[in-house]
Protein backbone atom coordinates (compact mmCIF):
# COMPACT_ATOMS: atom_id res chain seq x y z
CA PRO A 1 -143.83 -73.40 25.45
CA TYR A 2 -142.27 -75.25 22.53
CA LEU A 3 -138.77 -75.21 24.06
CA VAL A 4 -140.10 -76.26 27.45
CA GLY A 5 -141.74 -79.28 25.88
CA LYS A 6 -138.70 -80.02 23.74
CA TYR A 7 -136.25 -80.13 26.66
CA GLY A 8 -138.55 -81.79 29.20
CA GLY A 9 -139.20 -78.74 31.39
CA GLY A 10 -142.90 -79.50 31.44
CA ALA A 11 -142.24 -82.48 33.70
CA PHE A 12 -141.91 -79.97 36.54
CA LEU A 13 -145.62 -79.20 36.26
CA VAL A 14 -146.66 -82.67 37.48
CA PRO A 15 -145.07 -82.43 40.97
CA TYR A 16 -146.01 -78.75 41.14
CA PHE A 17 -149.71 -79.40 40.67
CA LEU A 18 -149.57 -82.43 42.97
CA ALA A 19 -148.03 -80.31 45.73
CA LEU A 20 -150.59 -77.60 45.04
CA VAL A 21 -153.52 -79.98 45.40
CA ILE A 22 -152.17 -82.17 48.22
CA ILE A 23 -150.34 -79.61 50.38
CA ALA A 24 -151.07 -75.98 49.54
CA SER A 25 -154.84 -76.05 49.07
CA PRO A 26 -155.62 -77.85 52.37
CA LEU A 27 -153.28 -75.52 54.27
CA TYR A 28 -154.92 -72.47 52.73
CA LEU A 29 -158.39 -73.77 53.56
CA MET A 30 -157.32 -74.64 57.12
CA GLU A 31 -156.00 -71.13 57.72
CA LEU A 32 -159.13 -69.63 56.20
CA ILE A 33 -161.42 -71.74 58.40
CA ILE A 34 -159.39 -70.98 61.54
CA GLY A 35 -159.54 -67.25 60.78
CA GLN A 36 -163.30 -67.42 60.27
CA LYS A 37 -163.87 -69.34 63.50
CA PHE A 38 -161.76 -67.21 65.81
CA ARG A 39 -162.28 -63.87 64.00
CA GLN A 40 -158.79 -62.66 64.85
CA GLY A 41 -155.46 -62.24 63.13
CA SER A 42 -153.29 -65.22 62.39
CA VAL A 43 -151.15 -64.90 65.53
CA GLU A 44 -154.08 -64.64 67.93
CA ALA A 45 -156.10 -67.29 66.12
CA PHE A 46 -153.33 -69.86 66.35
CA ARG A 47 -152.63 -68.81 69.95
CA ALA A 48 -156.30 -69.39 70.81
CA MET A 49 -155.93 -72.97 69.61
CA SER A 50 -152.76 -73.55 71.64
CA PRO A 51 -150.06 -71.22 72.96
CA TYR A 52 -147.48 -73.34 71.14
CA PHE A 53 -149.11 -72.57 67.78
CA ALA A 54 -148.48 -68.81 68.06
CA GLY A 55 -145.23 -69.37 66.17
CA LEU A 56 -147.23 -70.41 63.11
CA GLY A 57 -148.92 -67.01 63.11
CA TYR A 58 -145.62 -65.20 63.50
CA THR A 59 -144.10 -67.29 60.73
CA SER A 60 -146.89 -66.41 58.31
CA MET A 61 -146.50 -62.75 59.28
CA VAL A 62 -142.75 -62.81 58.57
CA MET A 63 -143.26 -64.63 55.26
CA VAL A 64 -145.81 -62.03 54.13
CA PHE A 65 -143.32 -59.27 54.98
CA ILE A 66 -140.50 -60.96 53.05
CA LEU A 67 -142.64 -61.66 49.98
CA SER A 68 -144.11 -58.15 50.02
CA SER A 69 -140.61 -56.66 50.16
CA TYR A 70 -139.51 -58.80 47.23
CA TYR A 71 -142.51 -57.90 45.08
CA ASN A 72 -142.16 -54.22 45.93
CA LEU A 73 -138.56 -54.38 44.69
CA LEU A 74 -139.69 -55.95 41.42
CA LEU A 75 -142.40 -53.33 41.05
CA SER A 76 -139.93 -50.50 41.66
CA TYR A 77 -137.56 -51.86 38.98
CA SER A 78 -140.47 -52.10 36.56
CA LEU A 79 -141.53 -48.53 37.27
CA VAL A 80 -137.97 -47.24 36.81
CA TYR A 81 -137.78 -48.87 33.38
CA VAL A 82 -141.21 -47.54 32.44
CA PHE A 83 -140.20 -43.98 33.35
CA TYR A 84 -136.85 -44.33 31.54
CA SER A 85 -138.62 -45.59 28.43
CA PHE A 86 -140.35 -42.21 28.02
CA SER A 87 -137.03 -40.36 27.65
CA ALA A 88 -135.73 -39.31 24.23
CA GLU A 89 -132.61 -41.48 24.42
CA LEU A 90 -132.85 -44.71 26.35
CA PRO A 91 -130.05 -44.97 28.94
CA TRP A 92 -129.28 -48.59 28.11
CA THR A 93 -128.92 -48.16 24.32
CA ALA A 94 -125.63 -46.24 24.28
CA PRO A 95 -122.95 -45.92 26.95
CA GLY A 96 -123.36 -42.46 28.42
CA ASP A 97 -122.90 -40.86 31.80
CA LEU A 98 -125.06 -43.53 33.40
CA TRP A 99 -122.64 -46.34 32.45
CA LYS A 100 -119.22 -44.61 32.60
CA GLY A 101 -118.62 -45.50 36.22
CA LEU A 102 -119.66 -49.11 35.73
CA ILE A 103 -117.42 -49.58 32.69
CA ALA A 104 -114.47 -47.84 34.40
CA GLU A 105 -114.78 -50.16 37.42
CA ASN A 106 -115.22 -53.30 35.25
CA PRO A 107 -113.10 -53.09 32.07
CA GLY A 108 -114.33 -56.50 30.92
CA LEU A 109 -117.75 -55.01 30.12
CA GLU A 110 -116.48 -53.07 27.11
CA ASN A 111 -117.38 -54.34 23.63
């Protein structure tokens, strides 16, 4: 936090919270209210309003798939490192069999 304040990175928080309050919160509430009224999934709820709005439901469905895939990848990397951390010798502390191929393919990685 000190370095963020020192180099002016905290200025990003002002437009972020403005966008959160002005754009994201009303959109979230609108989708929540539409889902409660029509009691269907996002595609069918938007289609019930107008057939042209079905694309909004499909778009939200695709975005959920993309974000879920991304977070599952991050979770899998975290789990790999957690399981590796229980071994006697950590694979990333000394170049062993795990890194020989990488160093042979990229000689600039040697110390």
